[in-house]
Every structure is written in structure tokens, then in C-alpha cells.
Amino acid sequence: MDEMEHEIKRLIIETLHLEGITPDAIDSDAPLFVSGLGLDSIDALELAMEIRKRYGVRTNADDAQNRNIFASARSLAAHVATHRQTRD
């Protein structure tokens, strides 16, 4: 498993307080919303805020790409890896 994917899975679990779920239990390609983990729009907002805080990656609520960005742990990790701001 890619290191960033694992990190994003841990972030999802910690941010959303998903008890009894480990990073290995989250399928990297499974949908995060509705089916899959069954997350909702409030969860998306919480994740977006934590990603912005932790990685400096901003997403806009009205961005048409959000559906693709938040489609799976893998797509979210790829977006964060590409857009994260380095902290010195």
C-alpha cells in the first residue's frame, strides 16, 4: 500500500472517529460515499477541513472535481500528494 494512501486512510479513521476500522480494512478503490464506507456530506466537509489543516490542500465546495477527488482513498491520496504544500 502506498504510504500516502495509508496516511489518508488513518486520517479518515481519526477525523471521522470510525471505531473498529483499520487502514487495512479500507479498500483503496472502494467508494468513500454512499456505498463503501458510507460517508455523507458532513463527513466530506470534516475531511476537507482536516486535509486543509494538515496538508495545506484546499478544496472548494462548489468544485466540480470534488466527486473525483473524494471518490476513493486512492484518489484522495493522489490529490493530496500532488497538491500538498511542503512545510519547512
PDB file of N, CA and C in Angstrom:
ATOM      1  N   MET A   1       0.850  -1.185   0.000  1.00  0.00           N
ATOM      2  CA  MET A   1       0.000   0.000   0.000  1.00  0.00           C
ATOM      3  C   MET A   1       0.888   1.237   0.000  1.00  0.00           C
ATOM      4  N   ASP A   2       0.547   2.182  -0.809  1.00  0.00           N
ATOM      5  CA  ASP A   2       1.242   3.453  -0.916  1.00  0.00           C
ATOM      6  C   ASP A   2       1.212   4.163   0.450  1.00  0.00           C
ATOM      7  N   GLU A   3       2.314   4.809   0.809  1.00  0.00           N
ATOM      8  CA  GLU A   3       2.408   5.484   2.105  1.00  0.00           C
ATOM      9  C   GLU A   3       1.355   6.580   2.262  1.00  0.00           C
ATOM     10  N   MET A   4       1.146   7.378   1.221  1.00  0.00           N
ATOM     11  CA  MET A   4       0.141   8.449   1.295  1.00  0.00           C
ATOM     12  C   MET A   4      -1.262   7.866   1.433  1.00  0.00           C
ATOM     13  N   GLU A   5      -1.547   6.774   0.742  1.00  0.00           N
ATOM     14  CA  GLU A   5      -2.858   6.129   0.879  1.00  0.00           C
ATOM     15  C   GLU A   5      -3.086   5.696   2.319  1.00  0.00           C
ATOM     16  N   HIS A   6      -2.072   5.084   2.907  1.00  0.00           N
ATOM     17  CA  HIS A   6      -2.180   4.623   4.286  1.00  0.00           C
ATOM     18  C   HIS A   6      -2.415   5.819   5.223  1.00  0.00           C
ATOM     19  N   GLU A   7      -1.684   6.895   4.987  1.00  0.00           N
ATOM     20  CA  GLU A   7      -1.825   8.109   5.789  1.00  0.00           C
ATOM     21  C   GLU A   7      -3.241   8.686   5.658  1.00  0.00           C
ATOM     22  N   ILE A   8      -3.774   8.722   4.442  1.00  0.00           N
ATOM     23  CA  ILE A   8      -5.122   9.237   4.210  1.00  0.00           C
ATOM     24  C   ILE A   8      -6.155   8.338   4.888  1.00  0.00           C
ATOM     25  N   LYS A   9      -5.966   7.049   4.828  1.00  0.00           N
ATOM     26  CA  LYS A   9      -6.890   6.131   5.499  1.00  0.00           C
ATOM     27  C   LYS A   9      -6.887   6.362   7.008  1.00  0.00           C
ATOM     28  N   ARG A  10      -5.696   6.570   7.586  1.00  0.00           N
ATOM     29  CA  ARG A  10      -5.609   6.876   9.020  1.00  0.00           C
ATOM     30  C   ARG A  10      -6.308   8.195   9.327  1.00  0.00           C
ATOM     31  N   LEU A  11      -6.118   9.193   8.453  1.00  0.00           N
ATOM     32  CA  LEU A  11      -6.759  10.494   8.627  1.00  0.00           C
ATOM     33  C   LEU A  11      -8.281  10.348   8.603  1.00  0.00           C
ATOM     34  N   ILE A  12      -8.806   9.562   7.675  1.00  0.00           N
ATOM     35  CA  ILE A  12     -10.256   9.329   7.588  1.00  0.00           C
ATOM     36  C   ILE A  12     -10.762   8.707   8.889  1.00  0.00           C
ATOM     37  N   ILE A  13     -10.084   7.695   9.362  1.00  0.00           N
ATOM     38  CA  ILE A  13     -10.492   6.996  10.582  1.00  0.00           C
ATOM     39  C   ILE A  13     -10.447   7.931  11.787  1.00  0.00           C
ATOM     40  N   GLU A  14      -9.346   8.677  11.924  1.00  0.00           N
ATOM     41  CA  GLU A  14      -9.192   9.573  13.076  1.00  0.00           C
ATOM     42  C   GLU A  14     -10.164  10.747  13.012  1.00  0.00           C
ATOM     43  N   THR A  15     -10.274  11.381  11.863  1.00  0.00           N
ATOM     44  CA  THR A  15     -11.117  12.568  11.721  1.00  0.00           C
ATOM     45  C   THR A  15     -12.587  12.242  11.942  1.00  0.00           C
ATOM     46  N   LEU A  16     -13.018  11.108  11.426  1.00  0.00           N
ATOM     47  CA  LEU A  16     -14.442  10.750  11.493  1.00  0.00           C
ATOM     48  C   LEU A  16     -14.761   9.799  12.638  1.00  0.00           C
ATOM     49  N   HIS A  17     -13.745   9.506  13.475  1.00  0.00           N
ATOM     50  CA  HIS A  17     -13.931   8.651  14.646  1.00  0.00           C
ATOM     51  C   HIS A  17     -14.587   7.322  14.279  1.00  0.00           C
ATOM     52  N   LEU A  18     -14.016   6.656  13.278  1.00  0.00           N
ATOM     53  CA  LEU A  18     -14.546   5.375  12.825  1.00  0.00           C
ATOM     54  C   LEU A  18     -13.961   4.265  13.691  1.00  0.00           C
ATOM     55  N   GLU A  19     -14.718   3.838  14.654  1.00  0.00           N
ATOM     56  CA  GLU A  19     -14.249   2.817  15.586  1.00  0.00           C
ATOM     57  C   GLU A  19     -14.286   1.435  14.955  1.00  0.00           C
ATOM     58  N   GLY A  20     -13.296   0.628  15.286  1.00  0.00           N
ATOM     59  CA  GLY A  20     -13.249  -0.748  14.821  1.00  0.00           C
ATOM     60  C   GLY A  20     -12.797  -0.900  13.372  1.00  0.00           C
ATOM     61  N   ILE A  21     -12.346   0.179  12.751  1.00  0.00           N
ATOM     62  CA  ILE A  21     -11.864   0.113  11.366  1.00  0.00           C
ATOM     63  C   ILE A  21     -10.375   0.427  11.356  1.00  0.00           C
ATOM     64  N   THR A  22      -9.624  -0.382  10.625  1.00  0.00           N
ATOM     65  CA  THR A  22      -8.191  -0.149  10.467  1.00  0.00           C
ATOM     66  C   THR A  22      -7.923   0.317   9.039  1.00  0.00           C
ATOM     67  N   PRO A  23      -6.786   0.961   8.814  1.00  0.00           N
ATOM     68  CA  PRO A  23      -6.453   1.372   7.446  1.00  0.00           C
ATOM     69  C   PRO A  23      -6.484   0.205   6.462  1.00  0.00           C
ATOM     70  N   ASP A  24      -6.044  -0.965   6.893  1.00  0.00           N
ATOM     71  CA  ASP A  24      -6.029  -2.132   6.010  1.00  0.00           C
ATOM     72  C   ASP A  24      -7.434  -2.610   5.643  1.00  0.00           C
ATOM     73  N   ALA A  25      -8.417  -2.258   6.451  1.00  0.00           N
ATOM     74  CA  ALA A  25      -9.794  -2.677   6.186  1.00  0.00           C
ATOM     75  C   ALA A  25     -10.480  -1.797   5.138  1.00  0.00           C
ATOM     76  N   ILE A  26      -9.869  -0.660   4.815  1.00  0.00           N
ATOM     77  CA  ILE A  26     -10.454   0.244   3.819  1.00  0.00           C
ATOM     78  C   ILE A  26      -9.871  -0.094   2.457  1.00  0.00           C
ATOM     79  N   ASP A  27     -10.722  -0.494   1.546  1.00  0.00           N
ATOM     80  CA  ASP A  27     -10.316  -0.790   0.173  1.00  0.00           C
ATOM     81  C   ASP A  27      -9.934   0.526  -0.502  1.00  0.00           C
ATOM     82  N   SER A  28      -8.729   0.604  -1.042  1.00  0.00           N
ATOM     83  CA  SER A  28      -8.222   1.840  -1.649  1.00  0.00           C
ATOM     84  C   SER A  28      -9.083   2.341  -2.796  1.00  0.00           C
ATOM     85  N   ASP A  29      -9.743   1.438  -3.493  1.00  0.00           N
ATOM     86  CA  ASP A  29     -10.539   1.817  -4.654  1.00  0.00           C
ATOM     87  C   ASP A  29     -12.041   1.860  -4.385  1.00  0.00           C
ATOM     88  N   ALA A  30     -12.456   1.475  -3.195  1.00  0.00           N
ATOM     89  CA  ALA A  30     -13.885   1.472  -2.865  1.00  0.00           C
ATOM     90  C   ALA A  30     -14.386   2.899  -2.691  1.00  0.00           C
ATOM     91  N   PRO A  31     -15.640   3.143  -3.043  1.00  0.00           N
ATOM     92  CA  PRO A  31     -16.208   4.479  -2.855  1.00  0.00           C
ATOM     93  C   PRO A  31     -16.198   4.871  -1.373  1.00  0.00           C
ATOM     94  N   LEU A  32     -15.915   6.142  -1.111  1.00  0.00           N
ATOM     95  CA  LEU A  32     -15.957   6.623   0.271  1.00  0.00           C
ATOM     96  C   LEU A  32     -17.374   6.998   0.674  1.00  0.00           C
ATOM     97  N   PHE A  33     -18.182   7.415  -0.305  1.00  0.00           N
ATOM     98  CA  PHE A  33     -19.519   7.925  -0.015  1.00  0.00           C
ATOM     99  C   PHE A  33     -20.598   6.981  -0.499  1.00  0.00           C
ATOM    100  N   VAL A  34     -21.729   7.045   0.170  1.00  0.00           N
ATOM    101  CA  VAL A  34     -22.909   6.231  -0.078  1.00  0.00           C
ATOM    102  C   VAL A  34     -22.569   4.754   0.134  1.00  0.00           C
ATOM    103  N   SER A  35     -22.106   4.048  -0.905  1.00  0.00           N
ATOM    104  CA  SER A  35     -21.668   2.665  -0.687  1.00  0.00           C
ATOM    105  C   SER A  35     -20.234   2.730  -0.162  1.00  0.00           C
ATOM    106  N   GLY A  36     -19.582   1.623  -0.032  1.00  0.00           N
ATOM    107  CA  GLY A  36     -18.219   1.645   0.511  1.00  0.00           C
ATOM    108  C   GLY A  36     -18.260   2.001   1.983  1.00  0.00           C
ATOM    109  N   LEU A  37     -17.580   3.078   2.383  1.00  0.00           N
ATOM    110  CA  LEU A  37     -17.579   3.495   3.784  1.00  0.00           C
ATOM    111  C   LEU A  37     -18.897   4.147   4.196  1.00  0.00           C
ATOM    112  N   GLY A  38     -19.682   4.583   3.232  1.00  0.00           N
ATOM    113  CA  GLY A  38     -20.982   5.168   3.543  1.00  0.00           C
ATOM    114  C   GLY A  38     -20.915   6.563   4.137  1.00  0.00           C
ATOM    115  N   LEU A  39     -19.895   7.323   3.784  1.00  0.00           N
ATOM    116  CA  LEU A  39     -19.763   8.674   4.307  1.00  0.00           C
ATOM    117  C   LEU A  39     -20.805   9.591   3.682  1.00  0.00           C
ATOM    118  N   ASP A  40     -21.040  10.743   4.334  1.00  0.00           N
ATOM    119  CA  ASP A  40     -22.016  11.705   3.821  1.00  0.00           C
ATOM    120  C   ASP A  40     -21.374  13.080   3.648  1.00  0.00           C
ATOM    121  N   SER A  41     -22.173  14.080   3.309  1.00  0.00           N
ATOM    122  CA  SER A  41     -21.639  15.408   3.001  1.00  0.00           C
ATOM    123  C   SER A  41     -20.984  16.069   4.216  1.00  0.00           C
ATOM    124  N   ILE A  42     -21.479  15.819   5.404  1.00  0.00           N
ATOM    125  CA  ILE A  42     -20.860  16.366   6.618  1.00  0.00           C
ATOM    126  C   ILE A  42     -19.476  15.749   6.802  1.00  0.00           C
ATOM    127  N   ASP A  43     -19.364  14.451   6.549  1.00  0.00           N
ATOM    128  CA  ASP A  43     -18.064  13.776   6.621  1.00  0.00           C
ATOM    129  C   ASP A  43     -17.098  14.388   5.610  1.00  0.00           C
ATOM    130  N   ALA A  44     -17.595  14.689   4.413  1.00  0.00           N
ATOM    131  CA  ALA A  44     -16.746  15.290   3.378  1.00  0.00           C
ATOM    132  C   ALA A  44     -16.214  16.635   3.839  1.00  0.00           C
ATOM    133  N   LEU A  45     -17.066  17.425   4.464  1.00  0.00           N
ATOM    134  CA  LEU A  45     -16.652  18.729   4.964  1.00  0.00           C
ATOM    135  C   LEU A  45     -15.580  18.586   6.043  1.00  0.00           C
ATOM    136  N   GLU A  46     -15.786  17.661   6.969  1.00  0.00           N
ATOM    137  CA  GLU A  46     -14.804  17.427   8.024  1.00  0.00           C
ATOM    138  C   GLU A  46     -13.467  16.965   7.442  1.00  0.00           C
ATOM    139  N   LEU A  47     -13.526  16.053   6.474  1.00  0.00           N
ATOM    140  CA  LEU A  47     -12.297  15.587   5.824  1.00  0.00           C
ATOM    141  C   LEU A  47     -11.586  16.720   5.099  1.00  0.00           C
ATOM    142  N   ALA A  48     -12.335  17.510   4.371  1.00  0.00           N
ATOM    143  CA  ALA A  48     -11.743  18.629   3.623  1.00  0.00           C
ATOM    144  C   ALA A  48     -11.056  19.608   4.565  1.00  0.00           C
ATOM    145  N   MET A  49     -11.690  19.888   5.699  1.00  0.00           N
ATOM    146  CA  MET A  49     -11.087  20.817   6.667  1.00  0.00           C
ATOM    147  C   MET A  49      -9.806  20.238   7.262  1.00  0.00           C
ATOM    148  N   GLU A  50      -9.808  18.956   7.584  1.00  0.00           N
ATOM    149  CA  GLU A  50      -8.618  18.328   8.161  1.00  0.00           C
ATOM    150  C   GLU A  50      -7.488  18.251   7.139  1.00  0.00           C
ATOM    151  N   ILE A  51      -7.821  17.964   5.893  1.00  0.00           N
ATOM    152  CA  ILE A  51      -6.801  17.905   4.832  1.00  0.00           C
ATOM    153  C   ILE A  51      -6.192  19.283   4.610  1.00  0.00           C
ATOM    154  N   ARG A  52      -7.022  20.295   4.652  1.00  0.00           N
ATOM    155  CA  ARG A  52      -6.520  21.669   4.506  1.00  0.00           C
ATOM    156  C   ARG A  52      -5.583  22.012   5.657  1.00  0.00           C
ATOM    157  N   LYS A  53      -5.985  21.659   6.878  1.00  0.00           N
ATOM    158  CA  LYS A  53      -5.181  21.950   8.069  1.00  0.00           C
ATOM    159  C   LYS A  53      -3.855  21.181   8.057  1.00  0.00           C
ATOM    160  N   ARG A  54      -3.936  19.900   7.743  1.00  0.00           N
ATOM    161  CA  ARG A  54      -2.759  19.040   7.832  1.00  0.00           C
ATOM    162  C   ARG A  54      -1.807  19.175   6.643  1.00  0.00           C
ATOM    163  N   TYR A  55      -2.348  19.339   5.450  1.00  0.00           N
ATOM    164  CA  TYR A  55      -1.518  19.312   4.240  1.00  0.00           C
ATOM    165  C   TYR A  55      -1.510  20.616   3.452  1.00  0.00           C
ATOM    166  N   GLY A  56      -2.355  21.580   3.843  1.00  0.00           N
ATOM    167  CA  GLY A  56      -2.430  22.831   3.102  1.00  0.00           C
ATOM    168  C   GLY A  56      -3.117  22.696   1.757  1.00  0.00           C
ATOM    169  N   VAL A  57      -3.878  21.624   1.574  1.00  0.00           N
ATOM    170  CA  VAL A  57      -4.583  21.382   0.317  1.00  0.00           C
ATOM    171  C   VAL A  57      -6.014  21.888   0.467  1.00  0.00           C
ATOM    172  N   ARG A  58      -6.370  22.827  -0.394  1.00  0.00           N
ATOM    173  CA  ARG A  58      -7.701  23.423  -0.326  1.00  0.00           C
ATOM    174  C   ARG A  58      -8.606  22.832  -1.405  1.00  0.00           C
ATOM    175  N   THR A  59      -9.848  22.620  -1.026  1.00  0.00           N
ATOM    176  CA  THR A  59     -10.876  22.242  -1.987  1.00  0.00           C
ATOM    177  C   THR A  59     -12.032  23.204  -1.788  1.00  0.00           C
ATOM    178  N   ASN A  60     -12.701  23.534  -2.852  1.00  0.00           N
ATOM    179  CA  ASN A  60     -13.860  24.418  -2.776  1.00  0.00           C
ATOM    180  C   ASN A  60     -15.125  23.589  -2.841  1.00  0.00           C
ATOM    181  N   ALA A  61     -16.103  23.979  -2.065  1.00  0.00           N
ATOM    182  CA  ALA A  61     -17.364  23.226  -2.003  1.00  0.00           C
ATOM    183  C   ALA A  61     -18.034  23.110  -3.361  1.00  0.00           C
ATOM    184  N   ASP A  62     -17.848  24.111  -4.199  1.00  0.00           N
ATOM    185  CA  ASP A  62     -18.522  24.097  -5.498  1.00  0.00           C
ATOM    186  C   ASP A  62     -17.643  23.580  -6.634  1.00  0.00           C
ATOM    187  N   ASP A  63     -16.502  22.993  -6.289  1.00  0.00           N
ATOM    188  CA  ASP A  63     -15.591  22.472  -7.310  1.00  0.00           C
ATOM    189  C   ASP A  63     -16.167  21.202  -7.929  1.00  0.00           C
ATOM    190  N   ALA A  64     -16.309  21.208  -9.234  1.00  0.00           N
ATOM    191  CA  ALA A  64     -16.866  20.054  -9.952  1.00  0.00           C
ATOM    192  C   ALA A  64     -15.979  18.814  -9.818  1.00  0.00           C
ATOM    193  N   GLN A  65     -14.716  18.996  -9.492  1.00  0.00           N
ATOM    194  CA  GLN A  65     -13.789  17.874  -9.363  1.00  0.00           C
ATOM    195  C   GLN A  65     -13.910  17.135  -8.024  1.00  0.00           C
ATOM    196  N   ASN A  66     -14.631  17.705  -7.064  1.00  0.00           N
ATOM    197  CA  ASN A  66     -14.718  17.083  -5.743  1.00  0.00           C
ATOM    198  C   ASN A  66     -15.205  15.641  -5.795  1.00  0.00           C
ATOM    199  N   ARG A  67     -16.142  15.354  -6.670  1.00  0.00           N
ATOM    200  CA  ARG A  67     -16.656  13.984  -6.778  1.00  0.00           C
ATOM    201  C   ARG A  67     -15.518  13.025  -7.144  1.00  0.00           C
ATOM    202  N   ASN A  68     -14.633  13.457  -8.032  1.00  0.00           N
ATOM    203  CA  ASN A  68     -13.489  12.624  -8.418  1.00  0.00           C
ATOM    204  C   ASN A  68     -12.418  12.594  -7.334  1.00  0.00           C
ATOM    205  N   ILE A  69     -12.159  13.743  -6.715  1.00  0.00           N
ATOM    206  CA  ILE A  69     -11.134  13.823  -5.676  1.00  0.00           C
ATOM    207  C   ILE A  69     -11.483  12.918  -4.500  1.00  0.00           C
ATOM    208  N   PHE A  70     -12.742  12.985  -4.052  1.00  0.00           N
ATOM    209  CA  PHE A  70     -13.182  12.234  -2.879  1.00  0.00           C
ATOM    210  C   PHE A  70     -13.822  10.891  -3.229  1.00  0.00           C
ATOM    211  N   ALA A  71     -13.580  10.398  -4.425  1.00  0.00           N
ATOM    212  CA  ALA A  71     -14.199   9.146  -4.870  1.00  0.00           C
ATOM    213  C   ALA A  71     -13.732   7.946  -4.050  1.00  0.00           C
ATOM    214  N   SER A  72     -12.450   7.904  -3.735  1.00  0.00           N
ATOM    215  CA  SER A  72     -11.877   6.765  -3.009  1.00  0.00           C
ATOM    216  C   SER A  72     -10.670   7.233  -2.215  1.00  0.00           C
ATOM    217  N   ALA A  73     -10.175   6.377  -1.344  1.00  0.00           N
ATOM    218  CA  ALA A  73      -8.965   6.713  -0.585  1.00  0.00           C
ATOM    219  C   ALA A  73      -7.789   6.922  -1.547  1.00  0.00           C
ATOM    220  N   ARG A  74      -7.730   6.126  -2.598  1.00  0.00           N
ATOM    221  CA  ARG A  74      -6.638   6.244  -3.569  1.00  0.00           C
ATOM    222  C   ARG A  74      -6.687   7.586  -4.296  1.00  0.00           C
ATOM    223  N   SER A  75      -7.866   7.999  -4.771  1.00  0.00           N
ATOM    224  CA  SER A  75      -7.971   9.268  -5.498  1.00  0.00           C
ATOM    225  C   SER A  75      -7.714  10.453  -4.568  1.00  0.00           C
ATOM    226  N   LEU A  76      -8.152  10.365  -3.328  1.00  0.00           N
ATOM    227  CA  LEU A  76      -7.909  11.433  -2.366  1.00  0.00           C
ATOM    228  C   LEU A  76      -6.424  11.534  -2.043  1.00  0.00           C
ATOM    229  N   ALA A  77      -5.766  10.391  -1.857  1.00  0.00           N
ATOM    230  CA  ALA A  77      -4.323  10.378  -1.590  1.00  0.00           C
ATOM    231  C   ALA A  77      -3.534  10.955  -2.759  1.00  0.00           C
ATOM    232  N   ALA A  78      -3.937  10.623  -3.980  1.00  0.00           N
ATOM    233  CA  ALA A  78      -3.252  11.141  -5.165  1.00  0.00           C
ATOM    234  C   ALA A  78      -3.405  12.657  -5.242  1.00  0.00           C
ATOM    235  N   HIS A  79      -4.589  13.161  -4.950  1.00  0.00           N
ATOM    236  CA  HIS A  79      -4.827  14.605  -4.984  1.00  0.00           C
ATOM    237  C   HIS A  79      -3.974  15.309  -3.926  1.00  0.00           C
ATOM    238  N   VAL A  80      -3.953  14.774  -2.719  1.00  0.00           N
ATOM    239  CA  VAL A  80      -3.168  15.377  -1.636  1.00  0.00           C
ATOM    240  C   VAL A  80      -1.682  15.335  -1.974  1.00  0.00           C
ATOM    241  N   ALA A  81      -1.203  14.211  -2.478  1.00  0.00           N
ATOM    242  CA  ALA A  81       0.220  14.081  -2.824  1.00  0.00           C
ATOM    243  C   ALA A  81       0.622  15.095  -3.890  1.00  0.00           C
ATOM    244  N   THR A  82      -0.258  15.353  -4.826  1.00  0.00           N
ATOM    245  CA  THR A  82       0.028  16.286  -5.913  1.00  0.00           C
ATOM    246  C   THR A  82      -0.029  17.740  -5.458  1.00  0.00           C
ATOM    247  N   HIS A  83      -0.941  18.050  -4.545  1.00  0.00           N
ATOM    248  CA  HIS A  83      -1.189  19.448  -4.191  1.00  0.00           C
ATOM    249  C   HIS A  83      -0.717  19.861  -2.801  1.00  0.00           C
ATOM    250  N   ARG A  84      -0.155  18.957  -2.037  1.00  0.00           N
ATOM    251  CA  ARG A  84       0.230  19.300  -0.664  1.00  0.00           C
ATOM    252  C   ARG A  84       1.322  20.350  -0.675  1.00  0.00           C
ATOM    253  N   GLN A  85       1.307  21.164   0.342  1.00  0.00           N
ATOM    254  CA  GLN A  85       2.310  22.199   0.496  1.00  0.00           C
ATOM    255  C   GLN A  85       3.342  21.705   1.486  1.00  0.00           C
ATOM    256  N   THR A  86       4.589  21.825   1.103  1.00  0.00           N
ATOM    257  CA  THR A  86       5.657  21.361   1.986  1.00  0.00           C
ATOM    258  C   THR A  86       5.798  22.349   3.143  1.00  0.00           C
ATOM    259  N   ARG A  87       6.089  21.814   4.276  1.00  0.00           N
ATOM    260  CA  ARG A  87       6.278  22.652   5.479  1.00  0.00           C
ATOM    261  C   ARG A  87       7.720  22.510   5.921  1.00  0.00           C
ATOM    262  N   ASP A  88       8.402  23.627   5.947  1.00  0.00           N
ATOM    263  CA  ASP A  88       9.814  23.605   6.353  1.00  0.00           C
ATOM    264  C   ASP A  88       9.971  24.011   7.801  1.00  0.00           C
TER     265      ASP A  88
END
